[in-house]
Amino acid sequence: MSRWLPHPLLSVTLLVVWLLLVNTVSVAQVLFGLLLAVVIPRFTSAFWPERPRVRQPLRLIRYLLLVIGDIVIANFHVAHLILFRSHRLRPAFIELPLELTDEFAITVLASTVSLTPGTVSADVSADRRTLLIHCLDAPDPDALCAEIKSRYEAPLKEILG
């Protein structure tokens, strides 16, 4: 199975995304989506250094739901900041010390931070111990670091190690 589908989750995701993009579920589109779901992971598997190991799949689902909820709430918060408080914004670069050591887990954390409106991951230090984050409004940088560590980094540490 791993020879035909080296990354099964990626294959399923590609099929679902293809069907969502074409906005139809016909036999031809499902077959073409399956072709993409088999071919793309096989050709890109050499670029994947090692397969990420999910230790707690149910915790991963909770994490994804948390991130989606945070993205929705942050959109409203950023809209409020821009529309009503743009003259009082306090943008800042924050250095977040990392407890994660796995490169994939650090990438997921950086992506999560960037997906959440109002924050962008700007850089990871060469030793992989610090994540540089730009915040649209950071009245208390230490509180923001503590929130990112508790909401995102701690669950990722449990999920990916």
Protein backbone atom coordinates (compact mmCIF):
# COMPACT_ATOMS: atom_id res chain seq x y z
CA MET A 1 0.00 0.00 0.00
CA SER A 2 2.77 2.44 0.85
CA ARG A 3 4.31 1.87 -2.56
CA TRP A 4 1.17 3.02 -4.37
CA LEU A 5 0.17 5.63 -1.81
CA PRO A 6 3.28 6.83 0.01
CA HIS A 7 1.25 9.59 1.70
CA PRO A 8 -2.37 8.40 2.03
CA LEU A 9 -3.57 11.51 3.87
CA LEU A 10 -2.14 13.70 1.11
CA SER A 11 -3.85 11.50 -1.48
CA VAL A 12 -7.23 11.84 0.20
CA THR A 13 -6.71 15.59 0.58
CA LEU A 14 -5.79 15.96 -3.10
CA LEU A 15 -8.90 14.06 -4.18
CA VAL A 16 -11.19 16.14 -1.96
CA VAL A 17 -9.57 19.42 -2.99
CA TRP A 18 -9.83 18.47 -6.67
CA LEU A 19 -13.52 17.69 -6.34
CA LEU A 20 -14.10 20.95 -4.48
CA LEU A 21 -12.21 22.91 -7.15
CA VAL A 22 -14.16 21.46 -10.06
CA ASN A 23 -17.38 21.70 -8.03
CA THR A 24 -18.80 18.49 -9.44
CA VAL A 25 -18.77 14.81 -8.57
CA SER A 26 -18.86 13.04 -11.90
CA VAL A 27 -17.19 9.75 -12.75
CA ALA A 28 -14.63 11.52 -14.94
CA GLN A 29 -13.72 14.06 -12.25
CA VAL A 30 -13.46 11.39 -9.54
CA LEU A 31 -11.21 9.29 -11.78
CA PHE A 32 -9.04 12.29 -12.62
CA GLY A 33 -8.91 13.22 -8.91
CA LEU A 34 -7.85 9.66 -8.09
CA LEU A 35 -5.15 9.87 -10.75
CA LEU A 36 -3.86 13.09 -9.16
CA ALA A 37 -4.13 11.53 -5.70
CA VAL A 38 -1.88 8.66 -6.78
CA VAL A 39 0.57 10.42 -9.12
CA ILE A 40 1.40 13.59 -7.16
CA PRO A 41 2.38 11.86 -3.89
CA ARG A 42 4.44 9.26 -5.77
CA PHE A 43 6.42 11.90 -7.67
CA THR A 44 6.90 14.14 -4.62
CA SER A 45 7.71 11.41 -2.08
CA ALA A 46 11.45 11.89 -2.61
CA PHE A 47 11.11 15.45 -1.34
CA TRP A 48 9.50 14.34 1.95
CA PRO A 49 12.40 13.68 4.34
CA GLU A 50 10.34 11.44 6.59
CA ARG A 51 6.68 10.77 7.09
CA PRO A 52 5.24 12.83 9.96
CA ARG A 53 4.07 10.58 12.75
CA VAL A 54 0.80 11.58 14.38
CA ARG A 55 0.78 10.25 17.92
CA GLN A 56 -2.75 11.32 18.85
CA PRO A 57 -5.11 11.50 15.85
CA LEU A 58 -8.14 12.59 17.91
CA ARG A 59 -6.09 15.41 19.40
CA LEU A 60 -5.17 16.42 15.83
CA ILE A 61 -8.86 16.76 14.94
CA ARG A 62 -9.42 18.92 18.04
CA TYR A 63 -6.40 21.01 17.07
CA LEU A 64 -7.71 21.55 13.53
CA LEU A 65 -11.12 22.60 14.87
CA LEU A 66 -9.42 24.99 17.30
CA VAL A 67 -7.36 26.56 14.52
CA ILE A 68 -10.40 26.95 12.25
CA GLY A 69 -12.32 28.59 15.08
CA ASP A 70 -9.41 30.89 15.87
CA ILE A 71 -9.13 31.90 12.21
CA VAL A 72 -12.81 32.87 12.09
CA ILE A 73 -12.64 34.83 15.35
CA ALA A 74 -9.36 36.52 14.37
CA ASN A 75 -10.91 37.69 11.08
CA PHE A 76 -13.57 39.59 13.01
CA HIS A 77 -11.00 40.91 15.48
CA VAL A 78 -8.69 42.17 12.72
CA ALA A 79 -11.63 43.75 10.87
CA HIS A 80 -12.59 45.56 14.08
CA LEU A 81 -9.00 46.73 14.59
CA ILE A 82 -8.72 48.04 11.04
CA LEU A 83 -12.12 49.70 10.93
CA PHE A 84 -12.26 51.26 14.38
CA ARG A 85 -8.80 51.30 15.96
CA SER A 86 -6.31 51.59 13.11
CA HIS A 87 -4.81 54.76 14.60
CA ARG A 88 -4.04 52.92 17.88
CA LEU A 89 -2.44 49.76 16.51
CA ARG A 90 0.76 48.58 18.17
CA PRO A 91 2.51 46.35 15.64
CA ALA A 92 5.49 44.42 16.90
CA PHE A 93 7.92 41.64 16.12
CA ILE A 94 7.89 38.99 18.80
CA GLU A 95 10.46 36.25 19.36
CA LEU A 96 8.72 33.06 20.45
CA PRO A 97 11.06 30.56 22.14
CA LEU A 98 10.28 27.10 20.79
CA GLU A 99 10.02 23.85 22.71
CA LEU A 100 9.30 21.91 19.51
CA THR A 101 12.33 20.24 17.97
CA ASP A 102 10.83 18.40 15.00
CA GLU A 103 11.11 20.48 11.81
CA PHE A 104 7.68 19.40 10.57
CA ALA A 105 6.07 20.41 13.87
CA ILE A 106 7.82 23.80 13.73
CA THR A 107 6.57 24.25 10.16
CA VAL A 108 3.01 23.42 11.23
CA LEU A 109 3.25 25.93 14.10
CA ALA A 110 4.64 28.64 11.80
CA SER A 111 1.88 27.93 9.28
CA THR A 112 -0.78 28.05 11.98
CA VAL A 113 0.50 31.42 13.17
CA SER A 114 0.50 32.75 9.60
CA LEU A 115 -2.99 31.41 8.89
CA THR A 116 -4.41 33.25 11.88
CA PRO A 117 -5.19 36.83 10.78
CA GLY A 118 -3.18 39.47 12.59
CA THR A 119 -0.02 37.40 12.89
CA VAL A 120 2.62 36.27 10.41
CA SER A 121 5.58 33.99 10.93
CA ALA A 122 8.55 35.92 9.66
CA ASP A 123 11.54 33.69 10.37
CA VAL A 124 12.86 30.68 12.26
CA SER A 125 16.27 30.99 13.83
CA ALA A 126 19.09 28.88 12.41
CA ASP A 127 19.16 26.73 15.55
CA ARG A 128 15.36 26.17 15.33
CA ARG A 129 14.81 27.51 18.85
CA THR A 130 13.06 30.80 18.09
CA LEU A 131 10.18 31.77 15.83
CA LEU A 132 9.99 35.42 14.79
CA ILE A 133 6.37 36.58 14.54
CA HIS A 134 4.99 39.89 13.31
CA CYS A 135 1.80 40.94 15.06
CA LEU A 136 -0.61 43.57 13.80
CA ASP A 137 -1.49 44.63 17.34
CA ALA A 138 0.56 43.44 20.31
CA PRO A 139 -0.23 45.41 23.45
CA ASP A 140 1.26 42.62 25.60
CA PRO A 141 3.87 40.56 23.71
CA ASP A 142 4.46 38.21 26.65
CA ALA A 143 0.75 37.36 26.88
CA LEU A 144 0.66 36.72 23.13
CA CYS A 145 3.67 34.37 23.40
CA ALA A 146 2.00 32.52 26.28
CA GLU A 147 -1.23 32.20 24.28
CA ILE A 148 0.54 30.84 21.17
CA LYS A 149 2.51 28.38 23.30
CA SER A 150 -0.57 27.09 25.15
CA ARG A 151 -3.06 27.08 22.26
CA TYR A 152 -0.82 25.87 19.45
CA GLU A 153 2.64 24.71 20.48
CA ALA A 154 1.62 22.50 23.44
CA PRO A 155 -0.99 20.54 21.44
CA LEU A 156 1.43 20.16 18.52
CA LYS A 157 4.04 18.82 20.91
CA GLU A 158 1.55 16.17 22.05
CA ILE A 159 0.39 15.38 18.51
CA LEU A 160 3.70 15.32 16.64
CA GLY A 161 6.26 15.04 19.41
